[in-house]
Protein backbone atom coordinates (compact mmCIF):
# COMPACT_ATOMS: atom_id res chain seq x y z
CA MET A 1 0.00 0.00 0.00
CA ILE A 2 2.88 2.36 0.82
CA VAL A 3 4.65 1.69 -2.48
CA ASN A 4 1.39 2.15 -4.39
CA GLU A 5 0.82 5.53 -2.76
CA LEU A 6 4.38 6.71 -3.41
CA ILE A 7 4.25 5.67 -7.06
CA THR A 8 0.87 7.36 -7.48
CA ASN A 9 2.29 10.57 -5.99
CA ALA A 10 5.30 10.43 -8.32
CA LEU A 11 3.11 9.92 -11.38
CA LYS A 12 0.81 12.72 -10.28
CA TYR A 13 3.39 15.37 -9.31
CA ALA A 14 6.86 14.50 -10.63
CA PHE A 15 6.07 14.44 -14.33
CA PRO A 16 3.74 17.36 -15.12
CA GLY A 17 2.30 17.57 -18.59
CA GLY A 18 2.99 13.89 -19.26
CA LYS A 19 6.79 14.30 -19.30
CA ASP A 20 8.86 11.12 -19.41
CA GLY A 21 10.78 10.00 -16.38
CA THR A 22 11.93 7.14 -14.21
CA ILE A 23 10.68 5.90 -10.85
CA ARG A 24 13.05 3.64 -8.92
CA ILE A 25 12.07 1.39 -6.03
CA GLY A 26 14.68 -0.12 -3.73
CA LEU A 27 14.52 -2.42 -0.75
CA GLU A 28 17.56 -3.18 1.34
CA SER A 29 18.43 -4.54 4.73
CA PRO A 30 21.58 -3.01 6.17
CA SER A 31 23.33 -4.97 8.90
CA ASP A 32 21.68 -2.94 11.69
CA GLY A 33 18.42 -4.94 11.55
CA GLN A 34 16.52 -2.24 9.69
CA VAL A 35 14.75 -2.45 6.36
CA LEU A 36 14.99 0.55 4.05
CA LEU A 37 12.37 1.06 1.35
CA THR A 38 13.31 3.81 -1.11
CA VAL A 39 11.10 5.27 -3.84
CA GLU A 40 12.70 7.99 -5.95
CA ASP A 41 12.07 9.71 -9.24
CA ASP A 42 13.94 11.95 -11.64
CA GLY A 43 11.01 14.32 -12.06
CA ALA A 44 10.29 17.91 -11.10
CA GLY A 45 11.38 17.53 -7.47
CA TYR A 46 10.05 19.61 -4.62
CA ALA A 47 9.16 23.27 -5.09
CA ASP A 48 11.61 24.44 -2.43
CA ALA A 49 14.97 23.22 -1.17
CA ALA A 50 13.50 21.63 1.95
CA ALA A 51 11.41 18.52 1.40
CA PRO A 52 7.79 19.29 2.29
CA LYS A 53 6.02 17.44 5.07
CA GLY A 54 2.79 17.21 3.09
CA THR A 55 -0.71 17.20 4.52
CA GLY A 56 -2.65 15.33 1.84
CA LEU A 57 -4.47 12.07 2.37
CA GLY A 58 -1.72 10.09 0.64
CA THR A 59 0.94 11.52 2.93
CA LEU A 60 -1.21 10.73 5.97
CA ILE A 61 -1.68 7.14 4.76
CA ILE A 62 2.07 6.70 4.24
CA GLY A 63 2.79 8.07 7.72
CA ALA A 64 0.16 5.86 9.36
CA MET A 65 1.40 2.73 7.60
CA ALA A 66 5.01 3.51 8.57
CA LYS A 67 3.92 4.00 12.17
CA THR A 68 2.14 0.63 12.06
CA LEU A 69 5.46 -0.91 11.02
CA GLN A 70 7.19 0.97 13.90
CA GLY A 71 9.11 2.90 11.26
CA SER A 72 9.78 6.38 10.03
CA VAL A 73 9.41 8.31 6.78
CA ASP A 74 12.09 10.64 5.45
CA ARG A 75 11.16 12.72 2.39
CA GLN A 76 14.25 14.28 0.87
CA PRO A 77 15.11 16.29 -2.18
CA ALA A 78 17.35 14.31 -4.51
CA GLU A 79 19.99 15.70 -6.83
CA ILE A 80 17.36 15.34 -9.53
CA GLY A 81 13.74 14.70 -8.54
CA SER A 82 12.69 13.49 -5.11
CA ARG A 83 13.27 10.58 -2.78
CA THR A 84 11.27 9.01 0.04
CA VAL A 85 12.94 6.56 2.41
CA LEU A 86 11.00 4.44 4.87
CA SER A 87 12.95 2.75 7.63
CA PHE A 88 11.45 0.05 9.79
CA PRO A 89 12.75 -2.83 11.91
CA MET A 90 13.10 -6.27 10.38
CA THR A 91 10.72 -8.69 12.05
């Protein structure tokens, strides 16, 4: 559900006017017992230098799902586009 919401947001906001682009999804488990889920795009990026917190329904869903997984969400501007990283403990 989280990945679906992040991809939907990227399609909706990162590529205005039907521009082409790439969405990358990564899942890794560093040695510290955490799982990192990364969704990033090479689209328009955020309007300002600081990644917005967002108050839309999709953002609230992502935050609630991350909390259910005892994790956290970090939205960050990327060199090109935007990146969202979810971190949660491996169970």
